[in-house]
């Protein structure tokens, strides 16, 4: 079934993460990625409340943070959706050559294309304890992490209301927004964990905002 992940070799775990090895099988959906700490730090102080563009992402071409719609809502003119009760959540991944792969999962997900497509194409995370595909800027490699909201100063956040199943992590600057260090990952941060609704395409949803 789509929720079962196979075909990825995961290295030894240390410091709350597992090193991602080369993908050796089909792309995995359902455990592939949720909220990226790297992206949250890169886009600190940004938020995406518009349901048409719910995914906080980074544009490498423009060098700025953006709010993006789900990439499977417009896959070269093709709309993908999930209507079965067993696998109701639309998920996506990218192959080694950055080709988009859309599928349906039994687990909600929230992932930036900058990490999945630009930094870690063809990679995935197949262990429930470390489901977040992320980029380690210090090591210069893709890693699998525990969800950052599972341990925020010793507090584990979960989303138990089926109306809001997606656990999203982002960061706010713990200093005035006008400060030059407040955005872009500088200075101190305040972790924000929130439960959001299933990503549904509003009428007229585009590619990015």
C-alpha atoms as a PDB file:
ATOM      1  CA  UNK A   1       0.000   0.000   0.000  1.00  0.00           C
ATOM      2  CA  UNK A   2       1.126   3.646  -0.466  1.00  0.00           C
ATOM      3  CA  UNK A   3       1.763   4.106   3.258  1.00  0.00           C
ATOM      4  CA  UNK A   4       4.454   1.407   3.358  1.00  0.00           C
ATOM      5  CA  UNK A   5       7.949   2.734   2.658  1.00  0.00           C
ATOM      6  CA  UNK A   6      10.598   0.430   1.280  1.00  0.00           C
ATOM      7  CA  UNK A   7      13.807   0.782  -0.649  1.00  0.00           C
ATOM      8  CA  UNK A   8      15.825   3.303   1.369  1.00  0.00           C
ATOM      9  CA  UNK A   9      18.966   2.630   3.375  1.00  0.00           C
ATOM     10  CA  UNK A  10      19.143   4.705   6.532  1.00  0.00           C
ATOM     11  CA  UNK A  11      22.426   5.200   8.352  1.00  0.00           C
ATOM     12  CA  UNK A  12      23.192   5.057  12.053  1.00  0.00           C
ATOM     13  CA  UNK A  13      21.121   7.424  14.166  1.00  0.00           C
ATOM     14  CA  UNK A  14      22.760  10.117  16.236  1.00  0.00           C
ATOM     15  CA  UNK A  15      21.712  13.451  17.732  1.00  0.00           C
ATOM     16  CA  UNK A  16      18.063  12.949  16.836  1.00  0.00           C
ATOM     17  CA  UNK A  17      18.588  12.304  13.160  1.00  0.00           C
ATOM     18  CA  UNK A  18      19.492   9.584  10.695  1.00  0.00           C
ATOM     19  CA  UNK A  19      21.677  10.045   7.653  1.00  0.00           C
ATOM     20  CA  UNK A  20      19.844   9.481   4.385  1.00  0.00           C
ATOM     21  CA  UNK A  21      21.591   7.116   1.973  1.00  0.00           C
ATOM     22  CA  UNK A  22      21.088   6.759  -1.757  1.00  0.00           C
ATOM     23  CA  UNK A  23      17.607   5.746  -2.785  1.00  0.00           C
ATOM     24  CA  UNK A  24      17.616   2.181  -4.056  1.00  0.00           C
ATOM     25  CA  UNK A  25      13.928   1.619  -4.735  1.00  0.00           C
ATOM     26  CA  UNK A  26      10.652   3.343  -5.417  1.00  0.00           C
ATOM     27  CA  UNK A  27       9.911   6.677  -3.764  1.00  0.00           C
ATOM     28  CA  UNK A  28       8.106   6.443  -0.438  1.00  0.00           C
ATOM     29  CA  UNK A  29       5.027   8.372   0.462  1.00  0.00           C
ATOM     30  CA  UNK A  30       3.409   8.751   3.875  1.00  0.00           C
ATOM     31  CA  UNK A  31       6.605   8.901   5.927  1.00  0.00           C
ATOM     32  CA  UNK A  32       8.702  10.922   3.513  1.00  0.00           C
ATOM     33  CA  UNK A  33       8.641  14.388   5.014  1.00  0.00           C
ATOM     34  CA  UNK A  34       6.726  16.752   7.231  1.00  0.00           C
ATOM     35  CA  UNK A  35       7.907  20.123   8.531  1.00  0.00           C
ATOM     36  CA  UNK A  36      11.539  20.922   7.731  1.00  0.00           C
ATOM     37  CA  UNK A  37      13.519  22.626  10.543  1.00  0.00           C
ATOM     38  CA  UNK A  38      15.984  23.880   7.926  1.00  0.00           C
ATOM     39  CA  UNK A  39      13.231  25.578   5.938  1.00  0.00           C
ATOM     40  CA  UNK A  40      11.604  26.944   9.099  1.00  0.00           C
ATOM     41  CA  UNK A  41      14.910  28.529  10.081  1.00  0.00           C
ATOM     42  CA  UNK A  42      15.564  29.829   6.568  1.00  0.00           C
ATOM     43  CA  UNK A  43      12.089  31.410   6.448  1.00  0.00           C
ATOM     44  CA  UNK A  44      11.841  32.460  10.078  1.00  0.00           C
ATOM     45  CA  UNK A  45       9.035  34.935  10.662  1.00  0.00           C
ATOM     46  CA  UNK A  46       7.087  33.882   7.563  1.00  0.00           C
ATOM     47  CA  UNK A  47       3.677  32.203   7.579  1.00  0.00           C
ATOM     48  CA  UNK A  48       1.259  30.969   4.907  1.00  0.00           C
ATOM     49  CA  UNK A  49      -2.359  31.317   6.125  1.00  0.00           C
ATOM     50  CA  UNK A  50      -3.946  31.352   2.642  1.00  0.00           C
ATOM     51  CA  UNK A  51      -5.395  27.848   1.999  1.00  0.00           C
ATOM     52  CA  UNK A  52      -4.746  28.322  -1.732  1.00  0.00           C
ATOM     53  CA  UNK A  53      -1.012  28.656  -1.019  1.00  0.00           C
ATOM     54  CA  UNK A  54      -0.505  26.800   2.270  1.00  0.00           C
ATOM     55  CA  UNK A  55       3.086  25.519   1.914  1.00  0.00           C
ATOM     56  CA  UNK A  56       5.906  27.707   3.210  1.00  0.00           C
ATOM     57  CA  UNK A  57       8.765  27.275   0.771  1.00  0.00           C
ATOM     58  CA  UNK A  58      11.929  28.907  -0.531  1.00  0.00           C
ATOM     59  CA  UNK A  59      12.577  29.934  -4.129  1.00  0.00           C
ATOM     60  CA  UNK A  60      16.204  29.269  -4.997  1.00  0.00           C
ATOM     61  CA  UNK A  61      15.828  31.231  -8.227  1.00  0.00           C
ATOM     62  CA  UNK A  62      14.510  34.353  -6.509  1.00  0.00           C
ATOM     63  CA  UNK A  63      16.348  33.871  -3.210  1.00  0.00           C
ATOM     64  CA  UNK A  64      13.245  34.490  -1.106  1.00  0.00           C
ATOM     65  CA  UNK A  65      10.579  32.707   0.903  1.00  0.00           C
ATOM     66  CA  UNK A  66       7.233  32.129  -0.796  1.00  0.00           C
ATOM     67  CA  UNK A  67       3.851  30.553  -0.131  1.00  0.00           C
ATOM     68  CA  UNK A  68       3.208  27.717  -2.583  1.00  0.00           C
ATOM     69  CA  UNK A  69       0.217  25.610  -3.502  1.00  0.00           C
ATOM     70  CA  UNK A  70       0.472  21.826  -3.411  1.00  0.00           C
ATOM     71  CA  UNK A  71       2.586  20.829  -6.443  1.00  0.00           C
ATOM     72  CA  UNK A  72       0.168  17.993  -7.293  1.00  0.00           C
ATOM     73  CA  UNK A  73      -2.711  20.437  -7.749  1.00  0.00           C
ATOM     74  CA  UNK A  74      -1.114  21.463 -11.043  1.00  0.00           C
ATOM     75  CA  UNK A  75       1.253  18.789 -12.337  1.00  0.00           C
ATOM     76  CA  UNK A  76       1.859  20.187 -15.828  1.00  0.00           C
ATOM     77  CA  UNK A  77      -1.843  20.845 -16.138  1.00  0.00           C
ATOM     78  CA  UNK A  78      -2.928  17.627 -14.396  1.00  0.00           C
ATOM     79  CA  UNK A  79      -4.816  17.796 -11.095  1.00  0.00           C
ATOM     80  CA  UNK A  80      -4.207  15.001  -8.572  1.00  0.00           C
ATOM     81  CA  UNK A  81      -6.575  14.264  -5.712  1.00  0.00           C
ATOM     82  CA  UNK A  82      -7.271  11.547  -3.136  1.00  0.00           C
ATOM     83  CA  UNK A  83     -10.835  10.488  -2.390  1.00  0.00           C
ATOM     84  CA  UNK A  84     -10.575   7.098  -0.689  1.00  0.00           C
ATOM     85  CA  UNK A  85     -11.083   6.717   3.048  1.00  0.00           C
ATOM     86  CA  UNK A  86      -8.028   4.446   3.365  1.00  0.00           C
ATOM     87  CA  UNK A  87      -5.602   6.901   1.685  1.00  0.00           C
ATOM     88  CA  UNK A  88      -7.154  10.364   1.860  1.00  0.00           C
ATOM     89  CA  UNK A  89      -4.009  12.524   1.871  1.00  0.00           C
ATOM     90  CA  UNK A  90      -2.266  13.775  -1.251  1.00  0.00           C
ATOM     91  CA  UNK A  91       1.487  13.321  -0.956  1.00  0.00           C
ATOM     92  CA  UNK A  92       4.421  13.888  -3.270  1.00  0.00           C
ATOM     93  CA  UNK A  93       8.099  13.195  -3.812  1.00  0.00           C
ATOM     94  CA  UNK A  94      10.757  13.837  -6.450  1.00  0.00           C
ATOM     95  CA  UNK A  95      12.902  11.354  -8.345  1.00  0.00           C
ATOM     96  CA  UNK A  96      16.648  11.707  -8.835  1.00  0.00           C
ATOM     97  CA  UNK A  97      16.034  13.776 -11.967  1.00  0.00           C
ATOM     98  CA  UNK A  98      13.565  16.034 -10.095  1.00  0.00           C
ATOM     99  CA  UNK A  99      10.462  14.545 -11.711  1.00  0.00           C
ATOM    100  CA  UNK A 100       7.349  14.968  -9.576  1.00  0.00           C
ATOM    101  CA  UNK A 101       5.656  11.836  -8.236  1.00  0.00           C
ATOM    102  CA  UNK A 102       2.164  12.210  -6.722  1.00  0.00           C
ATOM    103  CA  UNK A 103       0.346   9.595  -4.679  1.00  0.00           C
ATOM    104  CA  UNK A 104      -2.179   9.032  -1.916  1.00  0.00           C
ATOM    105  CA  UNK A 105      -1.232   8.220   1.672  1.00  0.00           C
ATOM    106  CA  UNK A 106      -2.913   7.343   4.941  1.00  0.00           C
ATOM    107  CA  UNK A 107      -0.705   9.914   6.715  1.00  0.00           C
ATOM    108  CA  UNK A 108      -0.938  13.703   6.359  1.00  0.00           C
ATOM    109  CA  UNK A 109       2.209  15.488   5.225  1.00  0.00           C
ATOM    110  CA  UNK A 110       3.504  19.008   4.760  1.00  0.00           C
ATOM    111  CA  UNK A 111       6.733  19.453   2.827  1.00  0.00           C
ATOM    112  CA  UNK A 112       8.642  22.211   1.007  1.00  0.00           C
ATOM    113  CA  UNK A 113       9.648  21.537  -2.581  1.00  0.00           C
ATOM    114  CA  UNK A 114      12.953  23.326  -1.955  1.00  0.00           C
ATOM    115  CA  UNK A 115      14.059  20.434   0.267  1.00  0.00           C
ATOM    116  CA  UNK A 116      12.411  17.573  -1.643  1.00  0.00           C
ATOM    117  CA  UNK A 117      13.177  18.738  -5.193  1.00  0.00           C
ATOM    118  CA  UNK A 118      16.156  21.090  -5.069  1.00  0.00           C
ATOM    119  CA  UNK A 119      18.257  19.735  -2.188  1.00  0.00           C
ATOM    120  CA  UNK A 120      17.257  16.077  -1.724  1.00  0.00           C
ATOM    121  CA  UNK A 121      15.660  14.704  -4.913  1.00  0.00           C
ATOM    122  CA  UNK A 122      15.370  10.921  -4.909  1.00  0.00           C
ATOM    123  CA  UNK A 123      15.733  10.689  -1.132  1.00  0.00           C
ATOM    124  CA  UNK A 124      13.222   9.565   1.485  1.00  0.00           C
ATOM    125  CA  UNK A 125      12.856   8.560   5.126  1.00  0.00           C
ATOM    126  CA  UNK A 126      11.309   5.180   5.963  1.00  0.00           C
ATOM    127  CA  UNK A 127      11.376   5.101   9.778  1.00  0.00           C
ATOM    128  CA  UNK A 128       8.430   6.400  11.757  1.00  0.00           C
ATOM    129  CA  UNK A 129      10.743   7.724  14.462  1.00  0.00           C
ATOM    130  CA  UNK A 130      12.624   9.919  11.960  1.00  0.00           C
ATOM    131  CA  UNK A 131      10.077  10.837   9.257  1.00  0.00           C
ATOM    132  CA  UNK A 132      11.297  14.322   8.325  1.00  0.00           C
ATOM    133  CA  UNK A 133      13.481  14.596   5.238  1.00  0.00           C
ATOM    134  CA  UNK A 134      15.646  17.641   5.852  1.00  0.00           C
ATOM    135  CA  UNK A 135      18.862  19.354   4.867  1.00  0.00           C
ATOM    136  CA  UNK A 136      21.805  19.587   7.274  1.00  0.00           C
ATOM    137  CA  UNK A 137      23.510  22.816   6.266  1.00  0.00           C
ATOM    138  CA  UNK A 138      26.583  22.201   8.433  1.00  0.00           C
ATOM    139  CA  UNK A 139      27.239  18.705   7.063  1.00  0.00           C
ATOM    140  CA  UNK A 140      26.018  19.539   3.560  1.00  0.00           C
ATOM    141  CA  UNK A 141      23.830  16.444   3.289  1.00  0.00           C
ATOM    142  CA  UNK A 142      20.251  15.183   3.463  1.00  0.00           C
ATOM    143  CA  UNK A 143      19.156  13.722   6.801  1.00  0.00           C
ATOM    144  CA  UNK A 144      16.123  12.122   8.412  1.00  0.00           C
ATOM    145  CA  UNK A 145      14.978  13.849  11.605  1.00  0.00           C
ATOM    146  CA  UNK A 146      12.355  13.404  14.267  1.00  0.00           C
ATOM    147  CA  UNK A 147       9.478  15.841  13.888  1.00  0.00           C
ATOM    148  CA  UNK A 148      10.631  19.077  15.585  1.00  0.00           C
ATOM    149  CA  UNK A 149       7.269  19.415  17.342  1.00  0.00           C
ATOM    150  CA  UNK A 150       7.745  16.106  19.145  1.00  0.00           C
ATOM    151  CA  UNK A 151      10.185  17.734  21.557  1.00  0.00           C
ATOM    152  CA  UNK A 152       9.860  21.469  22.118  1.00  0.00           C
ATOM    153  CA  UNK A 153      11.520  22.093  25.463  1.00  0.00           C
ATOM    154  CA  UNK A 154      10.366  18.668  26.606  1.00  0.00           C
ATOM    155  CA  UNK A 155       6.790  19.044  25.312  1.00  0.00           C
ATOM    156  CA  UNK A 156       5.464  16.698  22.604  1.00  0.00           C
ATOM    157  CA  UNK A 157       2.859  18.212  20.304  1.00  0.00           C
ATOM    158  CA  UNK A 158       0.323  16.039  18.463  1.00  0.00           C
ATOM    159  CA  UNK A 159      -2.726  16.665  16.269  1.00  0.00           C
ATOM    160  CA  UNK A 160      -5.631  14.537  17.487  1.00  0.00           C
ATOM    161  CA  UNK A 161      -8.530  16.461  15.922  1.00  0.00           C
ATOM    162  CA  UNK A 162      -9.272  14.794  12.540  1.00  0.00           C
ATOM    163  CA  UNK A 163     -10.364  18.179  11.188  1.00  0.00           C
ATOM    164  CA  UNK A 164      -6.811  19.487  11.643  1.00  0.00           C
ATOM    165  CA  UNK A 165      -4.503  16.499  11.089  1.00  0.00           C
ATOM    166  CA  UNK A 166      -1.298  18.176   9.862  1.00  0.00           C
ATOM    167  CA  UNK A 167       1.298  19.043  12.487  1.00  0.00           C
ATOM    168  CA  UNK A 168       3.189  22.043  11.105  1.00  0.00           C
ATOM    169  CA  UNK A 169       6.378  23.514  12.499  1.00  0.00           C
ATOM    170  CA  UNK A 170       7.568  27.037  11.844  1.00  0.00           C
ATOM    171  CA  UNK A 171       9.613  29.642  13.647  1.00  0.00           C
ATOM    172  CA  UNK A 172       8.976  33.185  14.754  1.00  0.00           C
ATOM    173  CA  UNK A 173      11.734  35.589  15.645  1.00  0.00           C
ATOM    174  CA  UNK A 174      12.070  36.104  19.396  1.00  0.00           C
ATOM    175  CA  UNK A 175      12.895  39.763  18.772  1.00  0.00           C
ATOM    176  CA  UNK A 176      11.206  42.739  17.079  1.00  0.00           C
ATOM    177  CA  UNK A 177      10.244  42.007  13.471  1.00  0.00           C
ATOM    178  CA  UNK A 178      12.058  45.165  12.307  1.00  0.00           C
ATOM    179  CA  UNK A 179      15.377  43.815  13.544  1.00  0.00           C
ATOM    180  CA  UNK A 180      17.681  42.728  10.664  1.00  0.00           C
ATOM    181  CA  UNK A 181      18.327  39.466  12.523  1.00  0.00           C
ATOM    182  CA  UNK A 182      14.638  38.677  12.925  1.00  0.00           C
ATOM    183  CA  UNK A 183      14.275  37.067   9.504  1.00  0.00           C
ATOM    184  CA  UNK A 184      16.465  34.673   7.583  1.00  0.00           C
ATOM    185  CA  UNK A 185      17.530  32.505  10.512  1.00  0.00           C
ATOM    186  CA  UNK A 186      19.501  35.034  12.543  1.00  0.00           C
ATOM    187  CA  UNK A 187      19.134  35.575  16.290  1.00  0.00           C
ATOM    188  CA  UNK A 188      16.901  33.648  18.680  1.00  0.00           C
ATOM    189  CA  UNK A 189      13.789  31.815  17.553  1.00  0.00           C
ATOM    190  CA  UNK A 190      10.416  30.868  19.024  1.00  0.00           C
ATOM    191  CA  UNK A 191       9.119  27.476  17.892  1.00  0.00           C
ATOM    192  CA  UNK A 192       5.517  27.434  16.675  1.00  0.00           C
ATOM    193  CA  UNK A 193       3.680  24.103  16.435  1.00  0.00           C
ATOM    194  CA  UNK A 194       0.183  24.196  15.015  1.00  0.00           C
ATOM    195  CA  UNK A 195      -2.414  21.789  13.670  1.00  0.00           C
ATOM    196  CA  UNK A 196      -3.772  22.728  10.267  1.00  0.00           C
ATOM    197  CA  UNK A 197      -6.513  21.328   8.069  1.00  0.00           C
ATOM    198  CA  UNK A 198      -6.004  18.836   5.262  1.00  0.00           C
ATOM    199  CA  UNK A 199      -4.617  20.595   2.201  1.00  0.00           C
ATOM    200  CA  UNK A 200      -7.556  21.047  -0.163  1.00  0.00           C
ATOM    201  CA  UNK A 201      -7.346  22.949  -3.458  1.00  0.00           C
ATOM    202  CA  UNK A 202      -9.588  26.056  -3.513  1.00  0.00           C
ATOM    203  CA  UNK A 203     -11.084  26.992  -6.841  1.00  0.00           C
ATOM    204  CA  UNK A 204      -8.476  28.732  -8.997  1.00  0.00           C
ATOM    205  CA  UNK A 205      -5.453  27.666  -6.926  1.00  0.00           C
ATOM    206  CA  UNK A 206      -2.245  28.460  -8.798  1.00  0.00           C
ATOM    207  CA  UNK A 207       1.356  27.353  -8.588  1.00  0.00           C
ATOM    208  CA  UNK A 208       2.792  29.867  -6.165  1.00  0.00           C
ATOM    209  CA  UNK A 209       2.250  33.268  -4.594  1.00  0.00           C
END
